[in-house]
Amino acid sequence: AVAPAAGLPAVKLDAKGVPSITIPKGYAKPTALVTQTL
């Protein structure tokens, strides 16, 4: 597991590994690609 950078959409996995996300309130649209290894 890799700790993600602060401020990114938070990813939660269920028992089978299916992801869901929580997008921070006021999350600004990035102008460049964001890549975060989880």
PDB file of all heavy atoms in Angstrom:
ATOM      1  N   ALA A   1       0.834  -1.201   0.000  1.00  0.00           N
ATOM      2  CA  ALA A   1       0.000   0.000   0.000  1.00  0.00           C
ATOM      3  C   ALA A   1       0.869   1.252   0.000  1.00  0.00           C
ATOM      4  O   ALA A   1       1.915   1.304   0.651  1.00  0.00           O
ATOM      5  CB  ALA A   1      -0.915   0.002   1.220  1.00  0.00           C
ATOM      6  N   VAL A   2       0.428   2.246  -0.761  1.00  0.00           N
ATOM      7  CA  VAL A   2       1.144   3.521  -0.863  1.00  0.00           C
ATOM      8  C   VAL A   2       0.232   4.624  -0.342  1.00  0.00           C
ATOM      9  O   VAL A   2      -0.922   4.733  -0.763  1.00  0.00           O
ATOM     10  CB  VAL A   2       1.546   3.814  -2.318  1.00  0.00           C
ATOM     11  CG1 VAL A   2       2.244   5.170  -2.411  1.00  0.00           C
ATOM     12  CG2 VAL A   2       2.435   2.703  -2.877  1.00  0.00           C
ATOM     13  N   ALA A   3       0.734   5.427   0.578  1.00  0.00           N
ATOM     14  CA  ALA A   3      -0.063   6.528   1.109  1.00  0.00           C
ATOM     15  C   ALA A   3      -0.229   7.604   0.040  1.00  0.00           C
ATOM     16  O   ALA A   3       0.758   8.124  -0.484  1.00  0.00           O
ATOM     17  CB  ALA A   3       0.609   7.121   2.341  1.00  0.00           C
ATOM     18  N   PRO A   4      -1.464   7.948  -0.322  1.00  0.00           N
ATOM     19  CA  PRO A   4      -1.656   8.949  -1.380  1.00  0.00           C
ATOM     20  C   PRO A   4      -1.364  10.362  -0.893  1.00  0.00           C
ATOM     21  O   PRO A   4      -1.386  10.645   0.304  1.00  0.00           O
ATOM     22  CB  PRO A   4      -3.141   8.787  -1.727  1.00  0.00           C
ATOM     23  CG  PRO A   4      -3.762   8.271  -0.472  1.00  0.00           C
ATOM     24  CD  PRO A   4      -2.730   7.403   0.180  1.00  0.00           C
ATOM     25  N   ALA A   5      -1.118  11.230  -1.848  1.00  0.00           N
ATOM     26  CA  ALA A   5      -0.918  12.638  -1.531  1.00  0.00           C
ATOM     27  C   ALA A   5      -2.203  13.226  -0.979  1.00  0.00           C
ATOM     28  O   ALA A   5      -3.310  12.780  -1.289  1.00  0.00           O
ATOM     29  CB  ALA A   5      -0.474  13.399  -2.778  1.00  0.00           C
ATOM     30  N   ALA A   6      -2.067  14.229  -0.151  1.00  0.00           N
ATOM     31  CA  ALA A   6      -3.233  14.881   0.452  1.00  0.00           C
ATOM     32  C   ALA A   6      -4.062  15.592  -0.616  1.00  0.00           C
ATOM     33  O   ALA A   6      -3.533  16.099  -1.608  1.00  0.00           O
ATOM     34  CB  ALA A   6      -2.771  15.881   1.510  1.00  0.00           C
ATOM     35  N   GLY A   7      -5.369  15.615  -0.384  1.00  0.00           N
ATOM     36  CA  GLY A   7      -6.259  16.389  -1.240  1.00  0.00           C
ATOM     37  C   GLY A   7      -6.809  15.662  -2.439  1.00  0.00           C
ATOM     38  O   GLY A   7      -7.631  16.215  -3.184  1.00  0.00           O
ATOM     39  N   LEU A   8      -6.393  14.410  -2.667  1.00  0.00           N
ATOM     40  CA  LEU A   8      -6.886  13.653  -3.812  1.00  0.00           C
ATOM     41  C   LEU A   8      -8.205  12.958  -3.466  1.00  0.00           C
ATOM     42  O   LEU A   8      -8.536  12.778  -2.288  1.00  0.00           O
ATOM     43  CB  LEU A   8      -5.864  12.596  -4.227  1.00  0.00           C
ATOM     44  CG  LEU A   8      -4.547  13.096  -4.806  1.00  0.00           C
ATOM     45  CD1 LEU A   8      -3.626  11.914  -5.098  1.00  0.00           C
ATOM     46  CD2 LEU A   8      -4.785  13.919  -6.064  1.00  0.00           C
ATOM     47  N   PRO A   9      -8.985  12.554  -4.478  1.00  0.00           N
ATOM     48  CA  PRO A   9     -10.153  11.723  -4.199  1.00  0.00           C
ATOM     49  C   PRO A   9      -9.736  10.503  -3.387  1.00  0.00           C
ATOM     50  O   PRO A   9      -8.729   9.858  -3.693  1.00  0.00           O
ATOM     51  CB  PRO A   9     -10.646  11.341  -5.604  1.00  0.00           C
ATOM     52  CG  PRO A   9     -10.200  12.484  -6.472  1.00  0.00           C
ATOM     53  CD  PRO A   9      -8.867  12.884  -5.923  1.00  0.00           C
ATOM     54  N   ALA A  10     -10.509  10.187  -2.350  1.00  0.00           N
ATOM     55  CA  ALA A  10     -10.177   9.066  -1.464  1.00  0.00           C
ATOM     56  C   ALA A  10     -10.822   7.790  -1.996  1.00  0.00           C
ATOM     57  O   ALA A  10     -11.997   7.781  -2.364  1.00  0.00           O
ATOM     58  CB  ALA A  10     -10.679   9.351  -0.051  1.00  0.00           C
ATOM     59  N   VAL A  11     -10.031   6.726  -2.036  1.00  0.00           N
ATOM     60  CA  VAL A  11     -10.485   5.445  -2.586  1.00  0.00           C
ATOM     61  C   VAL A  11     -10.701   4.453  -1.454  1.00  0.00           C
ATOM     62  O   VAL A  11      -9.847   4.290  -0.578  1.00  0.00           O
ATOM     63  CB  VAL A  11      -9.454   4.884  -3.580  1.00  0.00           C
ATOM     64  CG1 VAL A  11      -9.896   3.522  -4.106  1.00  0.00           C
ATOM     65  CG2 VAL A  11      -9.239   5.861  -4.734  1.00  0.00           C
ATOM     66  N   LYS A  12     -11.852   3.786  -1.493  1.00  0.00           N
ATOM     67  CA  LYS A  12     -12.164   2.743  -0.528  1.00  0.00           C
ATOM     68  C   LYS A  12     -12.497   1.469  -1.281  1.00  0.00           C
ATOM     69  O   LYS A  12     -13.200   1.512  -2.300  1.00  0.00           O
ATOM     70  CB  LYS A  12     -13.348   3.160   0.351  1.00  0.00           C
ATOM     71  CG  LYS A  12     -13.702   2.158   1.435  1.00  0.00           C
ATOM     72  CD  LYS A  12     -14.858   2.659   2.300  1.00  0.00           C
ATOM     73  CE  LYS A  12     -15.219   1.658   3.378  1.00  0.00           C
ATOM     74  NZ  LYS A  12     -16.344   2.151   4.233  1.00  0.00           N
ATOM     75  N   LEU A  13     -11.998   0.327  -0.814  1.00  0.00           N
ATOM     76  CA  LEU A  13     -12.235  -0.957  -1.473  1.00  0.00           C
ATOM     77  C   LEU A  13     -13.149  -1.818  -0.626  1.00  0.00           C
ATOM     78  O   LEU A  13     -13.021  -1.854   0.603  1.00  0.00           O
ATOM     79  CB  LEU A  13     -10.907  -1.699  -1.692  1.00  0.00           C
ATOM     80  CG  LEU A  13      -9.799  -0.937  -2.422  1.00  0.00           C
ATOM     81  CD1 LEU A  13      -8.551  -1.808  -2.531  1.00  0.00           C
ATOM     82  CD2 LEU A  13     -10.255  -0.495  -3.811  1.00  0.00           C
ATOM     83  N   ASP A  14     -14.065  -2.539  -1.293  1.00  0.00           N
ATOM     84  CA  ASP A  14     -14.883  -3.487  -0.539  1.00  0.00           C
ATOM     85  C   ASP A  14     -14.124  -4.811  -0.403  1.00  0.00           C
ATOM     86  O   ASP A  14     -12.958  -4.917  -0.792  1.00  0.00           O
ATOM     87  CB  ASP A  14     -16.264  -3.657  -1.167  1.00  0.00           C
ATOM     88  CG  ASP A  14     -16.255  -4.402  -2.507  1.00  0.00           C
ATOM     89  OD1 ASP A  14     -15.205  -4.978  -2.882  1.00  0.00           O
ATOM     90  OD2 ASP A  14     -17.309  -4.428  -3.168  1.00  0.00           O
ATOM     91  N   ALA A  15     -14.783  -5.823   0.134  1.00  0.00           N
ATOM     92  CA  ALA A  15     -14.108  -7.092   0.410  1.00  0.00           C
ATOM     93  C   ALA A  15     -13.567  -7.763  -0.844  1.00  0.00           C
ATOM     94  O   ALA A  15     -12.587  -8.518  -0.783  1.00  0.00           O
ATOM     95  CB  ALA A  15     -15.069  -8.037   1.130  1.00  0.00           C
ATOM     96  N   LYS A  16     -14.178  -7.486  -1.992  1.00  0.00           N
ATOM     97  CA  LYS A  16     -13.726  -8.095  -3.247  1.00  0.00           C
ATOM     98  C   LYS A  16     -12.717  -7.223  -3.998  1.00  0.00           C
ATOM     99  O   LYS A  16     -12.194  -7.631  -5.022  1.00  0.00           O
ATOM    100  CB  LYS A  16     -14.929  -8.372  -4.149  1.00  0.00           C
ATOM    101  CG  LYS A  16     -15.879  -9.426  -3.596  1.00  0.00           C
ATOM    102  CD  LYS A  16     -17.006  -9.694  -4.583  1.00  0.00           C
ATOM    103  CE  LYS A  16     -17.939 -10.773  -4.067  1.00  0.00           C
ATOM    104  NZ  LYS A  16     -19.056 -11.049  -5.012  1.00  0.00           N
ATOM    105  N   GLY A  17     -12.478  -6.034  -3.469  1.00  0.00           N
ATOM    106  CA  GLY A  17     -11.546  -5.133  -4.128  1.00  0.00           C
ATOM    107  C   GLY A  17     -12.196  -4.107  -5.025  1.00  0.00           C
ATOM    108  O   GLY A  17     -11.509  -3.328  -5.686  1.00  0.00           O
ATOM    109  N   VAL A  18     -13.523  -4.079  -5.057  1.00  0.00           N
ATOM    110  CA  VAL A  18     -14.229  -3.108  -5.895  1.00  0.00           C
ATOM    111  C   VAL A  18     -14.092  -1.722  -5.284  1.00  0.00           C
ATOM    112  O   VAL A  18     -14.405  -1.524  -4.107  1.00  0.00           O
ATOM    113  CB  VAL A  18     -15.711  -3.478  -6.036  1.00  0.00           C
ATOM    114  CG1 VAL A  18     -16.431  -2.479  -6.931  1.00  0.00           C
ATOM    115  CG2 VAL A  18     -15.865  -4.900  -6.582  1.00  0.00           C
ATOM    116  N   PRO A  19     -13.633  -0.733  -6.061  1.00  0.00           N
ATOM    117  CA  PRO A  19     -13.385   0.593  -5.485  1.00  0.00           C
ATOM    118  C   PRO A  19     -14.614   1.493  -5.475  1.00  0.00           C
ATOM    119  O   PRO A  19     -15.506   1.386  -6.312  1.00  0.00           O
ATOM    120  CB  PRO A  19     -12.320   1.169  -6.433  1.00  0.00           C
ATOM    121  CG  PRO A  19     -12.650   0.551  -7.757  1.00  0.00           C
ATOM    122  CD  PRO A  19     -13.161  -0.830  -7.449  1.00  0.00           C
ATOM    123  N   SER A  20     -14.632   2.378  -4.502  1.00  0.00           N
ATOM    124  CA  SER A  20     -15.548   3.517  -4.490  1.00  0.00           C
ATOM    125  C   SER A  20     -14.703   4.731  -4.127  1.00  0.00           C
ATOM    126  O   SER A  20     -13.591   4.592  -3.607  1.00  0.00           O
ATOM    127  CB  SER A  20     -16.682   3.322  -3.483  1.00  0.00           C
ATOM    128  OG  SER A  20     -16.158   3.134  -2.171  1.00  0.00           O
ATOM    129  N   ILE A  21     -15.201   5.918  -4.430  1.00  0.00           N
ATOM    130  CA  ILE A  21     -14.398   7.113  -4.147  1.00  0.00           C
ATOM    131  C   ILE A  21     -15.220   8.166  -3.422  1.00  0.00           C
ATOM    132  O   ILE A  21     -16.455   8.197  -3.520  1.00  0.00           O
ATOM    133  CB  ILE A  21     -13.798   7.736  -5.426  1.00  0.00           C
ATOM    134  CG1 ILE A  21     -14.902   8.218  -6.376  1.00  0.00           C
ATOM    135  CG2 ILE A  21     -12.858   6.775  -6.123  1.00  0.00           C
ATOM    136  CD1 ILE A  21     -14.380   9.106  -7.491  1.00  0.00           C
ATOM    137  N   THR A  22     -14.514   8.998  -2.697  1.00  0.00           N
ATOM    138  CA  THR A  22     -15.083  10.202  -2.092  1.00  0.00           C
ATOM    139  C   THR A  22     -14.282  11.382  -2.621  1.00  0.00           C
ATOM    140  O   THR A  22     -13.057  11.444  -2.440  1.00  0.00           O
ATOM    141  CB  THR A  22     -15.000  10.150  -0.559  1.00  0.00           C
ATOM    142  OG1 THR A  22     -15.714   9.007  -0.075  1.00  0.00           O
ATOM    143  CG2 THR A  22     -15.591  11.415   0.049  1.00  0.00           C
ATOM    144  N   ILE A  23     -14.962  12.278  -3.296  1.00  0.00           N
ATOM    145  CA  ILE A  23     -14.284  13.428  -3.891  1.00  0.00           C
ATOM    146  C   ILE A  23     -14.336  14.586  -2.904  1.00  0.00           C
ATOM    147  O   ILE A  23     -15.414  14.957  -2.420  1.00  0.00           O
ATOM    148  CB  ILE A  23     -14.943  13.825  -5.219  1.00  0.00           C
ATOM    149  CG1 ILE A  23     -14.895  12.636  -6.202  1.00  0.00           C
ATOM    150  CG2 ILE A  23     -14.264  15.047  -5.830  1.00  0.00           C
ATOM    151  CD1 ILE A  23     -15.680  12.862  -7.475  1.00  0.00           C
ATOM    152  N   PRO A  24     -13.184  15.156  -2.553  1.00  0.00           N
ATOM    153  CA  PRO A  24     -13.171  16.251  -1.577  1.00  0.00           C
ATOM    154  C   PRO A  24     -14.042  17.426  -2.023  1.00  0.00           C
ATOM    155  O   PRO A  24     -14.115  17.743  -3.214  1.00  0.00           O
ATOM    156  CB  PRO A  24     -11.686  16.662  -1.524  1.00  0.00           C
ATOM    157  CG  PRO A  24     -10.943  15.475  -2.034  1.00  0.00           C
ATOM    158  CD  PRO A  24     -11.835  14.827  -3.043  1.00  0.00           C
ATOM    159  N   LYS A  25     -14.726  18.043  -1.087  1.00  0.00           N
ATOM    160  CA  LYS A  25     -15.542  19.208  -1.394  1.00  0.00           C
ATOM    161  C   LYS A  25     -14.673  20.314  -1.970  1.00  0.00           C
ATOM    162  O   LYS A  25     -13.607  20.624  -1.437  1.00  0.00           O
ATOM    163  CB  LYS A  25     -16.259  19.685  -0.137  1.00  0.00           C
ATOM    164  CG  LYS A  25     -17.260  20.811  -0.389  1.00  0.00           C
ATOM    165  CD  LYS A  25     -17.999  21.179   0.886  1.00  0.00           C
ATOM    166  CE  LYS A  25     -19.019  22.298   0.631  1.00  0.00           C
ATOM    167  NZ  LYS A  25     -19.765  22.655   1.858  1.00  0.00           N
ATOM    168  N   GLY A  26     -15.110  20.861  -3.084  1.00  0.00           N
ATOM    169  CA  GLY A  26     -14.369  21.935  -3.712  1.00  0.00           C
ATOM    170  C   GLY A  26     -13.136  21.474  -4.465  1.00  0.00           C
ATOM    171  O   GLY A  26     -12.261  22.293  -4.781  1.00  0.00           O
ATOM    172  N   TYR A  27     -13.047  20.182  -4.757  1.00  0.00           N
ATOM    173  CA  TYR A  27     -11.874  19.648  -5.471  1.00  0.00           C
ATOM    174  C   TYR A  27     -11.709  20.371  -6.799  1.00  0.00           C
ATOM    175  O   TYR A  27     -12.630  20.422  -7.625  1.00  0.00           O
ATOM    176  CB  TYR A  27     -12.034  18.156  -5.694  1.00  0.00           C
ATOM    177  CG  TYR A  27     -10.856  17.508  -6.393  1.00  0.00           C
ATOM    178  CD1 TYR A  27      -9.625  17.395  -5.758  1.00  0.00           C
ATOM    179  CD2 TYR A  27     -10.977  17.013  -7.677  1.00  0.00           C
ATOM    180  CE1 TYR A  27      -8.543  16.801  -6.386  1.00  0.00           C
ATOM    181  CE2 TYR A  27      -9.905  16.414  -8.319  1.00  0.00           C
ATOM    182  CZ  TYR A  27      -8.690  16.311  -7.670  1.00  0.00           C
ATOM    183  OH  TYR A  27      -7.617  15.721  -8.299  1.00  0.00           O
ATOM    184  N   ALA A  28     -10.551  20.956  -7.015  1.00  0.00           N
ATOM    185  CA  ALA A  28     -10.289  21.742  -8.216  1.00  0.00           C
ATOM    186  C   ALA A  28      -9.902  20.837  -9.377  1.00  0.00           C
ATOM    187  O   ALA A  28      -9.121  19.895  -9.211  1.00  0.00           O
ATOM    188  CB  ALA A  28      -9.170  22.746  -7.946  1.00  0.00           C
ATOM    189  N   LYS A  29     -10.439  21.143 -10.539  1.00  0.00           N
ATOM    190  CA  LYS A  29     -10.089  20.367 -11.724  1.00  0.00           C
ATOM    191  C   LYS A  29      -8.606  20.549 -12.033  1.00  0.00           C
ATOM    192  O   LYS A  29      -8.144  21.686 -12.198  1.00  0.00           O
ATOM    193  CB  LYS A  29     -10.909  20.822 -12.930  1.00  0.00           C
ATOM    194  CG  LYS A  29     -12.392  20.616 -12.813  1.00  0.00           C
ATOM    195  CD  LYS A  29     -13.087  21.098 -14.073  1.00  0.00           C
ATOM    196  CE  LYS A  29     -14.590  20.911 -13.983  1.00  0.00           C
ATOM    197  NZ  LYS A  29     -15.270  21.391 -15.226  1.00  0.00           N
ATOM    198  N   PRO A  30      -7.856  19.457 -12.126  1.00  0.00           N
ATOM    199  CA  PRO A  30      -6.440  19.614 -12.483  1.00  0.00           C
ATOM    200  C   PRO A  30      -6.293  19.925 -13.969  1.00  0.00           C
ATOM    201  O   PRO A  30      -7.118  19.516 -14.785  1.00  0.00           O
ATOM    202  CB  PRO A  30      -5.842  18.246 -12.151  1.00  0.00           C
ATOM    203  CG  PRO A  30      -6.986  17.296 -12.327  1.00  0.00           C
ATOM    204  CD  PRO A  30      -8.216  18.054 -11.889  1.00  0.00           C
ATOM    205  N   THR A  31      -5.266  20.653 -14.309  1.00  0.00           N
ATOM    206  CA  THR A  31      -4.990  20.953 -15.715  1.00  0.00           C
ATOM    207  C   THR A  31      -4.012  19.959 -16.319  1.00  0.00           C
ATOM    208  O   THR A  31      -3.854  19.895 -17.534  1.00  0.00           O
ATOM    209  CB  THR A  31      -4.416  22.373 -15.862  1.00  0.00           C
ATOM    210  OG1 THR A  31      -3.229  22.481 -15.052  1.00  0.00           O
ATOM    211  CG2 THR A  31      -5.444  23.402 -15.395  1.00  0.00           C
ATOM    212  N   ALA A  32      -3.361  19.178 -15.456  1.00  0.00           N
ATOM    213  CA  ALA A  32      -2.423  18.146 -15.908  1.00  0.00           C
ATOM    214  C   ALA A  32      -2.861  16.807 -15.313  1.00  0.00           C
ATOM    215  O   ALA A  32      -3.618  16.752 -14.342  1.00  0.00           O
ATOM    216  CB  ALA A  32      -0.998  18.481 -15.474  1.00  0.00           C
ATOM    217  N   LEU A  33      -2.381  15.738 -15.897  1.00  0.00           N
ATOM    218  CA  LEU A  33      -2.715  14.399 -15.415  1.00  0.00           C
ATOM    219  C   LEU A  33      -2.226  14.207 -13.987  1.00  0.00           C
ATOM    220  O   LEU A  33      -1.092  14.544 -13.651  1.00  0.00           O
ATOM    221  CB  LEU A  33      -2.070  13.354 -16.326  1.00  0.00           C
ATOM    222  CG  LEU A  33      -2.238  11.891 -15.900  1.00  0.00           C
ATOM    223  CD1 LEU A  33      -3.683  11.454 -16.048  1.00  0.00           C
ATOM    224  CD2 LEU A  33      -1.311  10.991 -16.737  1.00  0.00           C
ATOM    225  N   VAL A  34      -3.100  13.641 -13.144  1.00  0.00           N
ATOM    226  CA  VAL A  34      -2.713  13.248 -11.792  1.00  0.00           C
ATOM    227  C   VAL A  34      -2.616  11.733 -11.760  1.00  0.00           C
ATOM    228  O   VAL A  34      -3.582  11.036 -12.085  1.00  0.00           O
ATOM    229  CB  VAL A  34      -3.741  13.728 -10.750  1.00  0.00           C
ATOM    230  CG1 VAL A  34      -3.372  13.201  -9.365  1.00  0.00           C
ATOM    231  CG2 VAL A  34      -3.818  15.252 -10.741  1.00  0.00           C
ATOM    232  N   THR A  35      -1.447  11.218 -11.387  1.00  0.00           N
ATOM    233  CA  THR A  35      -1.235   9.777 -11.281  1.00  0.00           C
ATOM    234  C   THR A  35      -0.772   9.462  -9.869  1.00  0.00           C
ATOM    235  O   THR A  35       0.249   9.986  -9.417  1.00  0.00           O
ATOM    236  CB  THR A  35      -0.163   9.293 -12.283  1.00  0.00           C
ATOM    237  OG1 THR A  35      -0.566   9.642 -13.609  1.00  0.00           O
ATOM    238  CG2 THR A  35       0.021   7.780 -12.201  1.00  0.00           C
ATOM    239  N   GLN A  36      -1.530   8.636  -9.168  1.00  0.00           N
ATOM    240  CA  GLN A  36      -1.185   8.272  -7.802  1.00  0.00           C
ATOM    241  C   GLN A  36      -1.237   6.749  -7.665  1.00  0.00           C
ATOM    242  O   GLN A  36      -2.299   6.145  -7.805  1.00  0.00           O
ATOM    243  CB  GLN A  36      -2.154   8.902  -6.805  1.00  0.00           C
ATOM    244  CG  GLN A  36      -1.971   8.435  -5.370  1.00  0.00           C
ATOM    245  CD  GLN A  36      -0.626   8.849  -4.787  1.00  0.00           C
ATOM    246  OE1 GLN A  36      -0.345  10.035  -4.656  1.00  0.00           O
ATOM    247  NE2 GLN A  36       0.205   7.873  -4.423  1.00  0.00           N
ATOM    248  N   THR A  37      -0.104   6.128  -7.428  1.00  0.00           N
ATOM    249  CA  THR A  37      -0.076   4.698  -7.144  1.00  0.00           C
ATOM    250  C   THR A  37      -0.635   4.463  -5.748  1.00  0.00           C
ATOM    251  O   THR A  37      -0.186   5.078  -4.781  1.00  0.00           O
ATOM    252  CB  THR A  37       1.360   4.149  -7.235  1.00  0.00           C
ATOM    253  OG1 THR A  37       1.884   4.409  -8.541  1.00  0.00           O
ATOM    254  CG2 THR A  37       1.386   2.649  -6.981  1.00  0.00           C
ATOM    255  N   LEU A  38      -1.626   3.586  -5.663  1.00  0.00           N
ATOM    256  CA  LEU A  38      -2.253   3.267  -4.384  1.00  0.00           C
ATOM    257  C   LEU A  38      -1.734   1.943  -3.823  1.00  0.00           C
ATOM    258  O   LEU A  38      -1.630   1.770  -2.617  1.00  0.00           O
ATOM    259  CB  LEU A  38      -3.767   3.203  -4.542  1.00  0.00           C
ATOM    260  CG  LEU A  38      -4.442   4.493  -5.049  1.00  0.00           C
ATOM    261  CD1 LEU A  38      -5.919   4.240  -5.284  1.00  0.00           C
ATOM    262  CD2 LEU A  38      -4.227   5.629  -4.063  1.00  0.00           C
TER     263      LEU A  38
END
